[in-house]
Protein backbone atom coordinates (compact mmCIF):
# COMPACT_ATOMS: atom_id res chain seq x y z
CA MET A 1 163.44 54.96 184.71
CA HIS A 2 162.91 51.32 183.02
CA ASN A 3 159.70 50.76 184.98
CA PHE A 4 158.53 54.70 184.05
CA LYS A 5 158.92 53.67 180.32
CA LYS A 6 157.07 50.59 180.58
CA LYS A 7 154.36 52.19 182.54
CA TYR A 8 153.96 55.25 179.71
CA PHE A 9 154.09 52.51 177.49
CA ASP A 10 151.16 50.13 179.16
CA TYR A 11 149.15 52.99 179.22
CA SER A 12 149.71 54.89 175.87
CA PHE A 13 149.31 51.24 173.95
CA GLN A 14 145.72 50.45 175.91
CA SER A 15 144.66 53.66 175.19
CA PHE A 16 146.14 53.39 171.19
CA LEU A 17 144.22 49.79 171.23
CA LYS A 18 140.91 50.99 172.57
CA HIS A 19 140.51 54.10 170.17
CA HIS A 20 141.42 52.31 167.20
CA VAL A 21 139.36 48.96 167.80
CA ASN A 22 136.18 51.26 168.28
CA GLY A 23 137.67 53.51 165.27
CA GLY A 24 137.85 50.40 162.98
CA MET A 25 134.49 49.32 163.91
CA VAL A 26 133.28 52.89 162.58
CA LEU A 27 135.08 52.87 159.49
CA MET A 28 133.49 49.43 158.68
CA ALA A 29 130.30 51.23 158.82
CA VAL A 30 131.21 54.48 157.18
CA ALA A 31 132.62 52.28 154.09
CA VAL A 32 129.74 50.49 153.56
CA MET A 33 127.35 53.54 153.59
CA ALA A 34 130.05 55.25 150.95
CA MET A 35 129.40 52.04 148.70
CA ILE A 36 125.39 52.31 149.00
CA VAL A 37 125.11 56.12 148.47
CA ALA A 38 127.57 55.96 145.23
CA ASN A 39 125.30 53.45 143.46
CA SER A 40 121.80 55.09 144.67
CA PRO A 41 120.14 58.05 143.27
CA LEU A 42 122.30 60.42 145.64
CA ASN A 43 124.98 59.83 143.73
CA ASN A 44 124.70 62.99 142.02
CA ALA A 45 124.45 64.80 145.23
CA TYR A 46 127.36 62.77 146.58
CA LEU A 47 129.84 64.27 144.07
CA SER A 48 128.52 67.65 144.16
CA ILE A 49 129.33 68.12 148.04
CA LEU A 50 132.76 66.25 147.35
CA ASN A 51 133.40 69.31 144.53
CA TYR A 52 132.12 72.18 146.94
CA PRO A 53 134.69 74.61 147.17
CA VAL A 54 136.54 75.50 150.41
CA SER A 55 138.11 77.98 152.02
CA PHE A 56 139.29 79.98 155.14
CA GLN A 57 140.21 83.43 153.90
CA ILE A 58 141.90 86.59 155.27
CA GLY A 59 141.96 89.56 152.49
CA ASP A 60 143.25 87.80 149.67
CA PHE A 61 144.96 85.33 151.41
CA ASN A 62 143.24 81.59 151.49
CA LEU A 63 144.78 79.04 153.70
CA PHE A 64 142.94 76.61 151.69
CA SER A 65 144.18 77.01 148.54
CA HIS A 66 146.80 75.34 146.23
CA HIS A 67 148.49 77.53 143.89
CA GLY A 68 145.72 80.08 144.00
CA GLU A 69 143.00 77.48 143.31
CA PRO A 70 140.72 76.97 146.49
CA MET A 71 140.48 73.28 147.78
CA THR A 72 137.28 71.36 146.83
CA LEU A 73 135.61 69.74 150.06
CA LEU A 74 137.50 66.35 148.82
CA THR A 75 140.71 67.82 148.56
CA PHE A 76 140.21 69.20 151.63
CA ILE A 77 140.01 66.11 153.13
CA ASN A 78 142.49 64.30 151.40
CA ASP A 79 145.35 66.99 151.51
CA ALA A 80 144.17 68.86 155.01
CA LEU A 81 142.41 66.70 157.29
CA MET A 82 144.93 63.75 156.26
CA ALA A 83 147.91 65.63 157.36
CA ILE A 84 146.19 65.55 160.46
CA PHE A 85 145.94 61.80 160.37
CA PHE A 86 149.45 61.46 159.20
CA PHE A 87 150.38 63.82 162.08
CA SER A 88 149.08 61.51 164.65
CA VAL A 89 150.73 58.60 162.92
CA GLY A 90 153.99 60.46 163.31
CA LEU A 91 153.23 60.78 167.30
CA GLU A 92 152.42 57.13 167.28
CA ILE A 93 155.71 56.44 165.63
CA LYS A 94 157.87 58.77 167.89
CA ARG A 95 156.26 57.07 170.90
CA GLU A 96 157.06 53.76 169.36
CA VAL A 97 160.53 54.66 169.07
CA LEU A 98 161.12 56.16 172.25
CA VAL A 99 159.13 53.94 174.82
CA GLY A 100 157.46 51.16 172.66
CA GLU A 101 158.19 48.06 170.57
CA LEU A 102 160.14 50.13 167.98
CA SER A 103 162.69 51.43 171.24
CA SER A 104 165.36 49.15 170.85
CA VAL A 105 166.94 47.30 167.95
CA ARG A 106 166.43 43.89 169.45
CA GLN A 107 162.67 44.73 169.89
CA ALA A 108 161.94 46.39 166.69
CA LEU A 109 163.60 43.89 164.78
CA LEU A 110 161.23 41.07 164.22
CA PRO A 111 158.21 43.78 163.19
CA ILE A 112 160.52 45.74 160.98
CA ILE A 113 161.47 42.76 158.71
CA ALA A 114 157.74 41.43 158.93
CA ALA A 115 156.67 44.68 157.83
CA CYS A 116 159.17 44.35 155.01
CA GLY A 117 158.21 41.41 153.64
CA GLY A 118 154.59 42.50 153.93
CA MET A 119 155.48 45.49 151.72
CA ILE A 120 157.75 43.85 149.20
CA VAL A 121 155.70 40.72 148.23
CA PRO A 122 152.43 42.38 147.50
CA VAL A 123 154.32 45.10 145.24
CA ILE A 124 156.06 41.84 143.44
CA ILE A 125 152.38 40.57 142.61
CA TYR A 126 151.06 43.98 141.69
CA PHE A 127 154.06 44.25 139.22
CA PHE A 128 153.74 40.80 137.93
CA ILE A 129 149.86 41.32 137.35
CA VAL A 130 150.11 45.08 135.66
CA PRO A 131 153.68 45.60 134.74
CA GLU A 132 152.96 48.83 132.47
CA ALA A 133 151.62 52.07 132.71
CA PRO A 134 149.15 53.25 133.68
CA GLY A 135 148.31 50.66 135.67
CA CYS A 136 151.61 50.26 137.05
CA ASN A 137 151.28 53.65 138.77
CA GLY A 138 149.12 51.94 141.78
CA ILE A 139 152.01 49.55 142.61
CA ALA A 140 152.34 50.63 145.96
CA THR A 141 148.57 50.45 146.92
CA PRO A 142 148.36 46.84 148.49
CA MET A 143 151.51 47.64 150.65
CA ALA A 144 150.05 49.16 154.15
CA THR A 145 147.93 47.41 156.87
CA ASP A 146 145.09 49.40 158.06
CA ILE A 147 145.56 49.64 161.96
CA ALA A 148 142.08 50.33 163.13
CA PHE A 149 140.44 47.52 160.93
CA SER A 150 143.03 45.04 161.75
CA LEU A 151 142.81 45.55 165.57
CA GLY A 152 139.18 45.83 165.04
CA VAL A 153 138.43 42.40 163.47
CA LEU A 154 141.55 40.99 166.42
CA SER A 155 139.25 42.58 169.05
CA LEU A 156 136.24 40.63 168.03
CA LEU A 157 138.16 37.18 169.38
CA GLY A 158 138.46 39.02 173.05
CA LYS A 159 140.66 37.89 175.54
CA ARG A 160 141.61 34.85 173.61
CA VAL A 161 144.20 37.03 171.76
CA PRO A 162 147.71 37.13 173.58
CA LEU A 163 149.01 40.42 174.26
CA SER A 164 152.10 39.95 172.07
CA LEU A 165 150.14 39.43 169.29
CA LYS A 166 148.18 42.66 169.41
CA ILE A 167 151.60 44.29 169.69
CA PHE A 168 153.19 42.59 166.84
CA LEU A 169 150.31 43.43 164.45
CA THR A 170 150.57 47.06 165.72
CA ALA A 171 154.28 47.37 165.30
CA PHE A 172 154.26 45.93 161.80
CA ALA A 173 151.52 48.03 160.87
CA VAL A 174 153.37 51.12 162.18
CA VAL A 175 156.46 50.08 160.06
CA ASP A 176 153.81 49.49 157.36
CA ASP A 177 152.82 53.42 157.81
CA ILE A 178 156.01 54.70 157.73
CA GLY A 179 156.84 52.73 154.61
CA GLY A 180 153.58 54.09 153.21
CA ILE A 181 154.93 57.83 154.15
CA ILE A 182 158.47 56.93 152.18
CA VAL A 183 156.41 56.01 149.23
CA ILE A 184 154.26 59.19 149.07
CA ALA A 185 157.35 61.43 149.92
CA LEU A 186 159.45 60.08 147.07
CA PHE A 187 157.25 58.94 144.60
CA TYR A 188 153.93 61.40 144.50
CA ALA A 189 155.76 64.70 144.43
CA THR A 190 155.41 67.07 141.33
CA ASN A 191 156.24 70.51 140.20
CA LEU A 192 158.89 70.81 143.02
CA GLU A 193 159.00 74.49 144.28
CA LEU A 194 162.47 74.40 146.27
CA GLY A 195 161.81 78.03 147.85
CA TYR A 196 158.37 76.50 149.85
CA LEU A 197 160.43 73.49 150.84
CA PHE A 198 163.40 75.28 151.84
CA ALA A 199 161.22 77.54 153.96
CA ALA A 200 159.55 74.43 155.44
CA ALA A 201 162.58 72.96 156.44
CA ALA A 202 163.92 76.25 158.17
CA ILE A 203 160.77 76.15 159.90
CA LEU A 204 161.21 72.52 161.18
CA VAL A 205 164.67 73.39 162.14
CA PHE A 206 163.62 76.12 164.29
CA MET A 207 161.11 73.82 165.75
CA LEU A 208 163.77 71.51 166.45
CA PHE A 209 165.78 73.94 167.98
CA ALA A 210 162.57 75.14 169.96
CA ASN A 211 162.21 71.71 171.50
CA ASN A 212 165.85 70.91 172.32
CA LYS A 213 167.72 74.03 173.29
CA LEU A 214 164.59 76.62 174.40
CA TYR A 215 162.91 73.87 175.91
CA ILE A 216 159.23 75.01 174.56
CA VAL A 217 156.66 73.19 175.80
CA ASN A 218 153.74 75.04 174.48
CA LYS A 219 151.57 73.04 172.23
CA GLY A 220 149.79 76.24 170.47
CA PHE A 221 153.57 77.04 169.58
CA TYR A 222 153.79 73.65 167.48
CA TYR A 223 150.25 73.99 166.28
CA PHE A 224 150.73 77.29 164.64
CA PHE A 225 154.19 76.30 163.04
CA GLY A 226 152.89 72.99 162.45
CA VAL A 227 150.17 75.00 160.02
CA ALA A 228 152.86 77.36 158.45
CA VAL A 229 154.57 74.11 157.58
CA TRP A 230 151.66 71.93 155.97
CA TYR A 231 150.78 75.05 153.92
CA LEU A 232 154.35 75.62 152.35
CA PHE A 233 154.27 71.83 151.52
CA LEU A 234 150.91 72.20 150.22
CA GLN A 235 152.78 74.70 147.78
CA SER A 236 156.12 72.73 147.42
CA GLY A 237 154.90 69.71 144.93
CA VAL A 238 155.83 67.49 147.97
CA HIS A 239 152.25 66.09 149.47
CA SER A 240 151.24 68.31 152.31
CA THR A 241 150.62 65.05 154.27
CA VAL A 242 154.40 64.31 154.73
CA ALA A 243 154.48 67.53 156.60
CA GLY A 244 152.17 66.11 159.27
CA VAL A 245 154.79 63.45 159.85
CA LEU A 246 157.90 65.63 159.92
CA VAL A 247 156.17 68.07 162.21
CA ALA A 248 155.13 65.28 164.75
CA PHE A 249 159.14 64.19 165.11
CA THR A 250 159.62 67.87 166.48
CA ILE A 251 156.91 67.54 168.90
CA PRO A 252 158.85 67.59 172.70
CA ALA A 253 158.29 64.32 174.25
CA LYS A 254 159.78 65.16 177.85
CA PRO A 255 157.13 66.82 180.28
CA HIS A 256 157.79 70.35 181.72
CA ILE A 257 157.77 69.02 184.88
CA LYS A 258 159.23 65.62 186.35
CA ILE A 259 156.59 63.55 188.07
CA GLY A 260 158.69 63.77 191.14
CA ARG A 261 158.56 67.55 191.26
CA TYR A 262 154.77 67.30 190.26
CA ILE A 263 153.56 64.88 193.31
CA GLU A 264 155.67 67.27 195.68
CA ARG A 265 153.40 70.17 194.55
CA ILE A 266 150.53 68.40 194.90
CA ARG A 267 150.93 67.73 198.43
CA GLU A 268 152.35 71.14 199.11
CA ASN A 269 148.94 72.33 197.74
CA ILE A 270 146.79 70.11 199.54
CA ASN A 271 148.12 70.64 202.58
CA SER A 272 148.04 74.06 202.61
CA PHE A 273 144.79 74.11 200.83
CA PRO A 274 142.44 76.66 202.88
CA VAL A 275 139.62 74.85 204.82
CA LEU A 276 136.61 76.69 205.78
CA ASP A 277 134.31 76.06 208.56
CA LYS A 278 131.06 75.84 206.55
CA ASP A 279 130.71 74.51 203.02
CA SER A 280 130.13 76.96 200.10
CA ILE A 281 129.06 76.26 196.47
CA ILE A 282 131.51 79.36 195.49
CA LEU A 283 135.27 78.90 196.39
CA GLU A 284 137.28 81.46 198.01
CA GLN A 285 139.97 83.08 196.34
CA ASP A 286 142.79 81.32 198.05
CA GLN A 287 141.19 78.06 197.23
CA LEU A 288 141.10 78.90 193.76
CA GLU A 289 144.56 79.90 193.31
CA ARG A 290 145.63 76.57 194.87
CA LEU A 291 143.29 74.51 192.11
CA LYS A 292 144.87 76.37 189.71
CA CYS A 293 148.30 75.86 190.61
CA ILE A 294 147.33 71.98 190.89
CA GLU A 295 145.90 72.24 187.20
CA SER A 296 148.71 74.03 185.88
CA ALA A 297 150.95 71.50 187.31
CA SER A 298 148.79 68.63 185.83
CA ASP A 299 149.27 69.97 182.60
CA HIS A 300 152.77 70.66 182.70
CA VAL A 301 153.64 66.75 183.92
CA ILE A 302 151.90 65.25 180.45
CA SER A 303 154.42 65.93 177.87
CA PRO A 304 152.96 67.75 174.57
CA LEU A 305 153.70 64.43 172.31
CA GLN A 306 151.55 62.28 174.60
CA SER A 307 148.95 64.93 175.30
CA MET A 308 148.33 65.79 171.61
CA GLU A 309 148.07 62.26 170.80
CA ASP A 310 145.54 61.57 173.30
CA ALA A 311 143.78 64.40 172.49
CA LEU A 312 143.81 63.53 168.55
CA GLN A 313 143.07 59.92 168.97
CA GLY A 314 139.28 60.37 169.05
CA VAL A 315 138.82 63.21 166.56
CA VAL A 316 141.13 61.10 163.93
CA ASN A 317 139.03 57.57 164.78
CA TYR A 318 135.67 59.15 165.10
CA PHE A 319 136.11 61.97 162.58
CA ILE A 320 138.73 62.19 160.12
CA MET A 321 139.16 58.60 159.15
CA PRO A 322 135.44 57.79 158.58
CA LEU A 323 134.83 61.40 156.72
CA PHE A 324 137.71 60.20 154.70
CA ALA A 325 136.21 56.51 153.81
CA PHE A 326 133.05 58.33 153.14
CA ALA A 327 134.61 60.35 150.63
CA ASN A 328 137.19 58.07 148.96
CA ALA A 329 135.52 54.39 149.58
CA GLY A 330 132.64 54.87 147.14
CA ILE A 331 133.02 52.69 144.36
CA VAL A 332 130.52 53.36 141.34
CA LEU A 333 129.28 49.87 140.09
CA ILE A 334 128.12 50.69 136.72
CA GLY A 335 129.57 50.01 133.36
CA GLY A 336 130.84 46.92 132.36
CA GLY A 337 133.29 44.39 132.05
CA SER A 338 136.93 46.03 132.64
CA GLU A 339 135.19 49.63 134.03
CA ILE A 340 134.47 47.92 137.12
CA VAL A 341 136.76 44.73 137.55
CA GLY A 342 140.40 44.77 135.58
CA ASP A 343 143.70 43.85 136.01
CA VAL A 344 144.23 46.57 138.76
CA THR A 345 141.56 45.11 140.80
CA PHE A 346 143.16 41.74 140.79
CA ALA A 347 146.52 42.91 141.78
CA VAL A 348 145.74 45.09 144.48
CA ALA A 349 143.20 42.16 145.82
CA LEU A 350 145.83 39.47 145.55
CA GLY A 351 148.42 41.46 146.87
CA LEU A 352 146.51 42.47 149.96
CA LEU A 353 144.89 38.91 150.38
CA PHE A 354 148.06 36.80 149.47
CA GLY A 355 151.18 39.03 149.29
CA LYS A 356 150.67 40.52 152.55
CA PHE A 357 150.20 37.10 154.25
CA ILE A 358 153.34 35.36 152.37
CA GLY A 359 155.54 38.70 152.90
CA ILE A 360 155.10 38.93 156.43
CA PHE A 361 154.90 34.92 157.55
CA THR A 362 157.97 34.48 155.49
CA PHE A 363 160.06 37.29 156.59
CA THR A 364 159.36 36.42 160.19
CA TRP A 365 159.92 32.69 159.72
CA PHE A 366 163.50 33.13 158.08
CA THR A 367 164.11 35.88 160.89
CA ILE A 368 163.14 33.51 163.78
CA LYS A 369 164.50 30.33 162.37
CA LEU A 370 168.36 32.41 161.77
CA LYS A 371 168.22 33.41 165.01
CA ILE A 372 168.08 37.09 164.11
CA ALA A 373 165.14 37.43 166.53
CA ASN A 374 163.49 35.61 169.21
CA MET A 375 159.45 34.46 168.78
CA PRO A 376 157.76 36.80 171.08
CA GLU A 377 156.45 35.31 174.35
CA GLY A 378 152.68 34.15 173.47
CA MET A 379 153.31 33.81 170.15
CA CYS A 380 153.32 30.61 168.01
CA TRP A 381 153.12 29.86 164.45
CA LYS A 382 149.97 29.01 164.46
CA ASN A 383 148.76 32.21 165.81
CA LEU A 384 151.46 34.27 163.65
CA ALA A 385 149.73 32.66 160.32
CA GLY A 386 146.64 33.98 161.98
CA VAL A 387 147.94 37.60 162.58
CA SER A 388 149.90 37.67 159.20
CA MET A 389 146.39 37.42 157.15
CA LEU A 390 145.62 40.00 159.24
CA GLY A 391 148.09 42.06 157.61
CA GLY A 392 146.17 41.90 154.37
CA ILE A 393 143.59 44.49 155.75
CA GLY A 394 144.33 47.52 153.66
CA PHE A 395 142.28 50.26 153.77
CA THR A 396 143.08 53.70 154.85
CA VAL A 397 146.74 54.23 153.78
CA ALA A 398 145.86 51.87 150.39
CA LEU A 399 142.99 54.38 149.49
CA PHE A 400 144.94 57.20 150.20
CA ILE A 401 147.92 55.92 147.96
CA ALA A 402 145.57 54.70 144.75
CA THR A 403 143.76 58.55 145.24
CA LEU A 404 147.35 59.78 144.81
CA SER A 405 148.02 57.30 141.76
CA PHE A 406 145.29 57.62 139.62
CA GLY A 407 142.75 60.37 140.98
CA GLY A 408 141.83 62.78 138.43
CA LYS A 409 143.79 61.31 135.69
CA GLU A 410 142.55 57.43 135.61
CA PRO A 411 139.21 57.42 137.33
CA ILE A 412 138.22 53.90 135.74
CA LEU A 413 141.52 52.43 137.35
CA LEU A 414 140.72 54.01 140.53
CA ASN A 415 137.44 52.62 140.73
CA GLN A 416 139.30 49.20 140.19
CA ALA A 417 141.82 49.77 142.61
CA LYS A 418 139.31 50.70 145.55
CA LEU A 419 137.28 47.37 144.24
CA GLY A 420 140.48 45.81 144.82
CA ILE A 421 141.17 47.30 148.56
CA ILE A 422 137.67 46.46 149.51
CA CYS A 423 137.68 42.88 148.31
CA GLY A 424 141.07 42.13 149.39
CA THR A 425 140.40 43.87 152.74
CA ILE A 426 137.17 41.90 153.75
CA LEU A 427 138.68 38.65 152.31
CA SER A 428 142.02 38.74 154.43
CA GLY A 429 139.61 39.85 157.72
CA ILE A 430 137.35 36.90 157.37
CA VAL A 431 139.78 34.53 156.53
CA GLY A 432 142.17 35.76 159.32
CA TYR A 433 139.28 35.99 161.64
CA LEU A 434 137.81 32.29 160.74
CA TYR A 435 141.42 30.71 161.00
CA LEU A 436 142.53 32.71 164.71
CA ASN A 437 138.88 31.88 166.03
CA LYS A 438 139.32 28.11 165.11
CA ILE A 439 143.36 27.76 166.38
CA LEU A 440 142.90 30.16 169.66
CA PRO A 441 142.04 28.38 172.86
CA GLU A 442 139.15 29.28 174.50
CA GLU A 443 139.17 31.77 177.46
CA GLY A 444 139.94 29.89 180.51
CA GLU A 445 142.15 27.36 178.71
CA ASN A 446 146.05 27.51 178.25
């Protein structure tokens, strides 16, 4: 069982790593494109498209509406598509808890403590620079590390990077995401509608019951009720993206058919597969039935959790996140003085550049020195410092929290926060890359 879990984690992590690294590259290009468009003659068209109404209507019911008002394209991206992003994050978190680096207290302790440091220190730095409202409303902006961006930068160093360093970065970034989700759930709820929340809670309990007691593994079942939970959260006042994470925790992680039984079925079908005297491009009915049995067994040996995570990785990393970046990373560099750069800009940028590094490194240092946890094999203080610098690469969740903090109410502060995120992310990425490039051994060296 231990070996199966290890193989499952290794496969899932390698797939996860591949998609996030490539997705990070796409994200970088799209963010630059958004800034160019926002400061070009296309700016008016850019804003007009983002304000275009979106609807999915059946009779008088519009699924993409909030209290009777249809979503704009921007709110559809931020409230609907980003719920899918957070659903995929929830699946990743559940996988990490079950078979990954967060599956035991001993394994999870170091990245959890590192992530806590990486969340606490940036918040403190931000508060010292911007202690009063409305600027302090964005205090949570520099908390999160962007997995795709940071792994993308780390991948530029190739095989020189120890696997343990990649796993550590991924693990504390996942914990960062959990922190961001908790902040969104607790501090960005407005005008609560308890009736909708109770209805959503009832459906979530039913989904858990269906998973654990009824053993329902049909993915369509969970997608259908997941959309219902999302809609109820959308109307409730709690941000709808939280629904994505909660729904992910109800998804079955066990396959319908165990691997041993699957192998038996495959052997039975192969041994009894009808072989004809001459080949034909058209299969006989008996052959078709056997192939259908093999296909059905293959579908059932993959758990809904792993199947959904694998199916969504491409959609999230190559469509949803780039679309979110294009819609939200457009910083308008017009006006002058405090309209472009202000205290919020410095608070976010310094929180990412220095706060994340200081928090991650010092909390990890104390944890290891106090013998609460051990240094992972392949890691040392030098490369830990480098990966702590990369922890300051905050983009997707940082932009999302900044939008929740200032969007619609404080456009100037939102623009300043975006600029701080971009500057902090770029500087953290460059400094972290240059440092690691210097201290990591060349390929082939010990």
